[in-house]
Amino acid sequence: MTTYTAIVVDGDTGGEGRYNFEYDGDLLKHSPATVLRTFWESVDRNVLLTEHVDYELNAAMKNATGTVVTALGAMLREHDGAVPFMAMISKKRA
């Protein structure tokens, strides 16, 4: 399993969170949309346990070397509605 880190910034409050999640293989070989889907599935399963969370993806891209995925969208919380976000995902550094 490879560990990845997502840095997520809340567009409403400017708050920031860092989340580690695992994937069996090289997640960054997949499309940016797949990387985001894998991250949000991890959030739904392991972070926000009291409510369902989904997301809306507005834009996602990899940097020139393919080592960082950057995305813009909205986290769709069951109780709080849409929360705009900006996320950067890469392999966790030691």
N, C-alpha and C. Protein backbone atom coordinates (compact mmCIF):
# COMPACT_ATOMS: atom_id res chain seq x y z
N MET A 1 0.84 -1.18 0.00
CA MET A 1 0.00 0.00 0.00
C MET A 1 0.89 1.25 0.00
N THR A 2 0.48 2.21 -0.78
CA THR A 2 1.17 3.50 -0.83
C THR A 2 0.32 4.52 -0.10
N THR A 3 0.96 5.36 0.70
CA THR A 3 0.24 6.40 1.43
C THR A 3 0.34 7.71 0.67
N TYR A 4 -0.79 8.39 0.58
CA TYR A 4 -0.89 9.69 -0.09
C TYR A 4 -1.37 10.72 0.91
N THR A 5 -1.03 11.97 0.68
CA THR A 5 -1.48 13.09 1.51
C THR A 5 -2.30 14.03 0.66
N ALA A 6 -3.45 14.41 1.19
CA ALA A 6 -4.29 15.43 0.56
C ALA A 6 -4.31 16.65 1.46
N ILE A 7 -4.00 17.79 0.90
CA ILE A 7 -4.15 19.06 1.60
C ILE A 7 -5.38 19.71 1.02
N VAL A 8 -6.37 19.96 1.88
CA VAL A 8 -7.65 20.48 1.42
C VAL A 8 -7.90 21.82 2.10
N VAL A 9 -8.23 22.84 1.30
CA VAL A 9 -8.52 24.17 1.81
C VAL A 9 -10.01 24.44 1.62
N ASP A 10 -10.67 24.85 2.68
CA ASP A 10 -12.10 25.18 2.68
C ASP A 10 -12.26 26.57 2.06
N GLY A 11 -12.98 26.65 0.97
CA GLY A 11 -13.15 27.92 0.27
C GLY A 11 -13.97 28.94 1.04
N ASP A 12 -14.83 28.50 1.96
CA ASP A 12 -15.63 29.44 2.74
C ASP A 12 -14.85 30.05 3.89
N THR A 13 -14.11 29.22 4.61
CA THR A 13 -13.45 29.69 5.84
C THR A 13 -11.96 29.88 5.70
N GLY A 14 -11.36 29.28 4.66
CA GLY A 14 -9.91 29.32 4.52
C GLY A 14 -9.23 28.28 5.40
N GLY A 15 -10.02 27.48 6.12
CA GLY A 15 -9.45 26.43 6.95
C GLY A 15 -8.75 25.39 6.09
N GLU A 16 -7.76 24.73 6.69
CA GLU A 16 -6.96 23.75 5.95
C GLU A 16 -6.89 22.45 6.73
N GLY A 17 -6.94 21.34 6.02
CA GLY A 17 -6.77 20.04 6.64
C GLY A 17 -5.83 19.19 5.84
N ARG A 18 -5.11 18.30 6.52
CA ARG A 18 -4.22 17.34 5.87
C ARG A 18 -4.74 15.96 6.19
N TYR A 19 -4.89 15.15 5.15
CA TYR A 19 -5.46 13.82 5.30
C TYR A 19 -4.58 12.80 4.60
N ASN A 20 -4.24 11.74 5.31
CA ASN A 20 -3.49 10.65 4.71
C ASN A 20 -4.47 9.54 4.35
N PHE A 21 -4.23 8.90 3.22
CA PHE A 21 -5.04 7.77 2.80
C PHE A 21 -4.16 6.83 2.00
N GLU A 22 -4.60 5.58 1.88
CA GLU A 22 -3.79 4.56 1.21
C GLU A 22 -4.46 4.07 -0.06
N TYR A 23 -3.59 3.61 -0.97
CA TYR A 23 -4.06 3.02 -2.22
C TYR A 23 -3.09 1.90 -2.57
N ASP A 24 -3.63 0.80 -3.05
CA ASP A 24 -2.82 -0.34 -3.42
C ASP A 24 -2.31 -0.16 -4.85
N GLY A 25 -1.15 0.46 -4.98
CA GLY A 25 -0.57 0.72 -6.29
C GLY A 25 -0.19 2.18 -6.43
N ASP A 26 0.09 2.58 -7.66
CA ASP A 26 0.49 3.96 -7.95
C ASP A 26 -0.72 4.75 -8.40
N LEU A 27 -1.38 5.38 -7.47
CA LEU A 27 -2.60 6.13 -7.76
C LEU A 27 -2.37 7.25 -8.77
N LEU A 28 -1.19 7.86 -8.73
CA LEU A 28 -0.92 9.01 -9.59
C LEU A 28 -0.73 8.63 -11.06
N LYS A 29 -0.72 7.35 -11.37
CA LYS A 29 -0.70 6.92 -12.78
C LYS A 29 -2.10 7.03 -13.39
N HIS A 30 -3.11 7.18 -12.54
CA HIS A 30 -4.49 7.29 -13.00
C HIS A 30 -4.83 8.75 -13.30
N SER A 31 -6.01 8.96 -13.82
CA SER A 31 -6.46 10.32 -14.14
C SER A 31 -6.66 11.13 -12.86
N PRO A 32 -6.58 12.46 -12.96
CA PRO A 32 -6.85 13.30 -11.79
C PRO A 32 -8.23 13.03 -11.19
N ALA A 33 -9.23 12.76 -12.02
CA ALA A 33 -10.57 12.48 -11.51
C ALA A 33 -10.59 11.20 -10.66
N THR A 34 -9.84 10.19 -11.07
CA THR A 34 -9.76 8.95 -10.30
C THR A 34 -9.05 9.17 -8.97
N VAL A 35 -8.01 9.99 -8.98
CA VAL A 35 -7.31 10.33 -7.74
C VAL A 35 -8.27 10.99 -6.76
N LEU A 36 -9.05 11.95 -7.24
CA LEU A 36 -10.01 12.63 -6.37
C LEU A 36 -11.09 11.69 -5.88
N ARG A 37 -11.60 10.84 -6.74
CA ARG A 37 -12.63 9.90 -6.33
C ARG A 37 -12.11 8.99 -5.22
N THR A 38 -10.88 8.51 -5.36
CA THR A 38 -10.29 7.64 -4.35
C THR A 38 -10.14 8.38 -3.03
N PHE A 39 -9.70 9.63 -3.07
CA PHE A 39 -9.57 10.42 -1.85
C PHE A 39 -10.93 10.62 -1.18
N TRP A 40 -11.94 11.06 -1.91
CA TRP A 40 -13.25 11.35 -1.30
C TRP A 40 -13.92 10.08 -0.80
N GLU A 41 -13.68 8.94 -1.45
CA GLU A 41 -14.20 7.68 -0.91
C GLU A 41 -13.56 7.37 0.44
N SER A 42 -12.28 7.68 0.58
CA SER A 42 -11.59 7.49 1.86
C SER A 42 -12.16 8.42 2.93
N VAL A 43 -12.44 9.66 2.55
CA VAL A 43 -13.04 10.61 3.51
C VAL A 43 -14.40 10.09 3.96
N ASP A 44 -15.19 9.63 3.02
CA ASP A 44 -16.53 9.13 3.34
C ASP A 44 -16.47 7.92 4.28
N ARG A 45 -15.50 7.03 4.06
CA ARG A 45 -15.37 5.80 4.86
C ARG A 45 -14.68 6.03 6.20
N ASN A 46 -13.67 6.91 6.22
CA ASN A 46 -12.77 6.97 7.38
C ASN A 46 -12.73 8.29 8.15
N VAL A 47 -13.24 9.36 7.60
CA VAL A 47 -13.12 10.67 8.26
C VAL A 47 -14.46 11.17 8.76
N LEU A 48 -15.43 11.29 7.89
CA LEU A 48 -16.75 11.81 8.27
C LEU A 48 -17.69 10.63 8.48
N LEU A 49 -17.58 10.03 9.63
CA LEU A 49 -18.29 8.78 9.91
C LEU A 49 -19.77 8.98 10.23
N THR A 50 -20.17 10.19 10.58
CA THR A 50 -21.56 10.41 11.00
C THR A 50 -22.47 10.88 9.88
N GLU A 51 -21.91 11.10 8.70
CA GLU A 51 -22.72 11.54 7.57
C GLU A 51 -22.07 11.12 6.26
N HIS A 52 -22.90 11.01 5.24
CA HIS A 52 -22.39 10.69 3.90
C HIS A 52 -21.79 11.96 3.30
N VAL A 53 -20.68 11.81 2.60
CA VAL A 53 -20.08 12.94 1.90
C VAL A 53 -19.84 12.54 0.45
N ASP A 54 -20.10 13.47 -0.43
CA ASP A 54 -19.85 13.28 -1.86
C ASP A 54 -19.09 14.52 -2.32
N TYR A 55 -18.87 14.65 -3.59
CA TYR A 55 -18.15 15.82 -4.07
C TYR A 55 -18.59 16.14 -5.50
N GLU A 56 -18.35 17.38 -5.87
CA GLU A 56 -18.55 17.85 -7.23
C GLU A 56 -17.20 18.37 -7.71
N LEU A 57 -16.73 17.88 -8.81
CA LEU A 57 -15.42 18.25 -9.32
C LEU A 57 -15.58 19.26 -10.45
N ASN A 58 -14.98 20.44 -10.28
CA ASN A 58 -15.04 21.48 -11.31
C ASN A 58 -13.81 21.49 -12.20
N ALA A 59 -12.65 21.17 -11.63
CA ALA A 59 -11.40 21.14 -12.41
C ALA A 59 -10.40 20.28 -11.67
N ALA A 60 -9.58 19.55 -12.42
CA ALA A 60 -8.51 18.74 -11.83
C ALA A 60 -7.40 18.58 -12.85
N MET A 61 -6.17 18.66 -12.39
CA MET A 61 -5.03 18.52 -13.29
C MET A 61 -3.83 18.00 -12.53
N LYS A 62 -2.88 17.44 -13.28
CA LYS A 62 -1.60 17.03 -12.71
C LYS A 62 -0.55 18.08 -13.06
N ASN A 63 0.47 18.19 -12.19
CA ASN A 63 1.58 19.07 -12.54
C ASN A 63 2.39 18.44 -13.67
N ALA A 64 3.38 19.14 -14.15
CA ALA A 64 4.14 18.70 -15.34
C ALA A 64 4.81 17.34 -15.14
N THR A 65 5.21 17.02 -13.91
CA THR A 65 5.89 15.75 -13.66
C THR A 65 4.92 14.65 -13.23
N GLY A 66 3.65 14.98 -13.06
CA GLY A 66 2.65 13.99 -12.68
C GLY A 66 2.70 13.56 -11.23
N THR A 67 3.32 14.37 -10.38
CA THR A 67 3.48 14.00 -8.98
C THR A 67 2.49 14.67 -8.03
N VAL A 68 1.75 15.64 -8.52
CA VAL A 68 0.76 16.35 -7.70
C VAL A 68 -0.51 16.54 -8.52
N VAL A 69 -1.64 16.22 -7.90
CA VAL A 69 -2.95 16.50 -8.50
C VAL A 69 -3.54 17.69 -7.75
N THR A 70 -3.98 18.68 -8.49
CA THR A 70 -4.65 19.85 -7.92
C THR A 70 -6.08 19.85 -8.42
N ALA A 71 -7.03 20.15 -7.51
CA ALA A 71 -8.43 20.09 -7.90
C ALA A 71 -9.23 21.21 -7.23
N LEU A 72 -10.29 21.63 -7.91
CA LEU A 72 -11.26 22.59 -7.38
C LEU A 72 -12.63 21.96 -7.48
N GLY A 73 -13.44 22.21 -6.47
CA GLY A 73 -14.79 21.65 -6.51
C GLY A 73 -15.56 21.99 -5.25
N ALA A 74 -16.53 21.16 -4.95
CA ALA A 74 -17.34 21.34 -3.74
C ALA A 74 -17.52 19.99 -3.07
N MET A 75 -17.29 19.98 -1.75
CA MET A 75 -17.61 18.80 -0.96
C MET A 75 -19.09 18.89 -0.63
N LEU A 76 -19.81 17.83 -0.88
CA LEU A 76 -21.25 17.82 -0.67
C LEU A 76 -21.55 17.02 0.59
N ARG A 77 -21.77 17.73 1.70
CA ARG A 77 -22.04 17.08 2.98
C ARG A 77 -23.53 16.88 3.16
N GLU A 78 -23.87 15.75 3.70
CA GLU A 78 -25.27 15.39 3.90
C GLU A 78 -26.01 16.41 4.76
N HIS A 79 -25.34 16.94 5.80
CA HIS A 79 -26.00 17.85 6.75
C HIS A 79 -25.72 19.33 6.49
N ASP A 80 -24.56 19.64 5.94
CA ASP A 80 -24.14 21.04 5.79
C ASP A 80 -24.21 21.56 4.36
N GLY A 81 -24.54 20.73 3.40
CA GLY A 81 -24.60 21.18 2.02
C GLY A 81 -23.23 21.28 1.38
N ALA A 82 -23.13 22.12 0.35
CA ALA A 82 -21.91 22.24 -0.45
C ALA A 82 -20.89 23.15 0.22
N VAL A 83 -19.65 22.68 0.26
CA VAL A 83 -18.53 23.44 0.80
C VAL A 83 -17.46 23.48 -0.28
N PRO A 84 -17.15 24.68 -0.83
CA PRO A 84 -16.13 24.74 -1.88
C PRO A 84 -14.75 24.34 -1.33
N PHE A 85 -13.96 23.68 -2.19
CA PHE A 85 -12.63 23.27 -1.74
C PHE A 85 -11.62 23.42 -2.87
N MET A 86 -10.36 23.47 -2.45
CA MET A 86 -9.20 23.34 -3.32
C MET A 86 -8.36 22.24 -2.68
N ALA A 87 -7.91 21.26 -3.46
CA ALA A 87 -7.15 20.15 -2.90
C ALA A 87 -5.88 19.90 -3.71
N MET A 88 -4.83 19.49 -3.01
CA MET A 88 -3.59 19.04 -3.64
C MET A 88 -3.27 17.67 -3.07
N ILE A 89 -3.02 16.70 -3.93
CA ILE A 89 -2.77 15.33 -3.51
C ILE A 89 -1.46 14.85 -4.10
N SER A 90 -0.65 14.22 -3.26
CA SER A 90 0.65 13.67 -3.70
C SER A 90 1.01 12.50 -2.79
N LYS A 91 2.06 11.77 -3.17
CA LYS A 91 2.55 10.71 -2.29
C LYS A 91 3.06 11.36 -1.00
N LYS A 92 2.80 10.67 0.12
CA LYS A 92 3.25 11.18 1.40
C LYS A 92 4.76 11.16 1.45
N ARG A 93 5.30 12.24 1.95
CA ARG A 93 6.76 12.33 2.11
C ARG A 93 7.15 11.76 3.46
N ALA A 94 8.30 11.13 3.48
CA ALA A 94 8.78 10.50 4.74
C ALA A 94 9.11 11.52 5.80
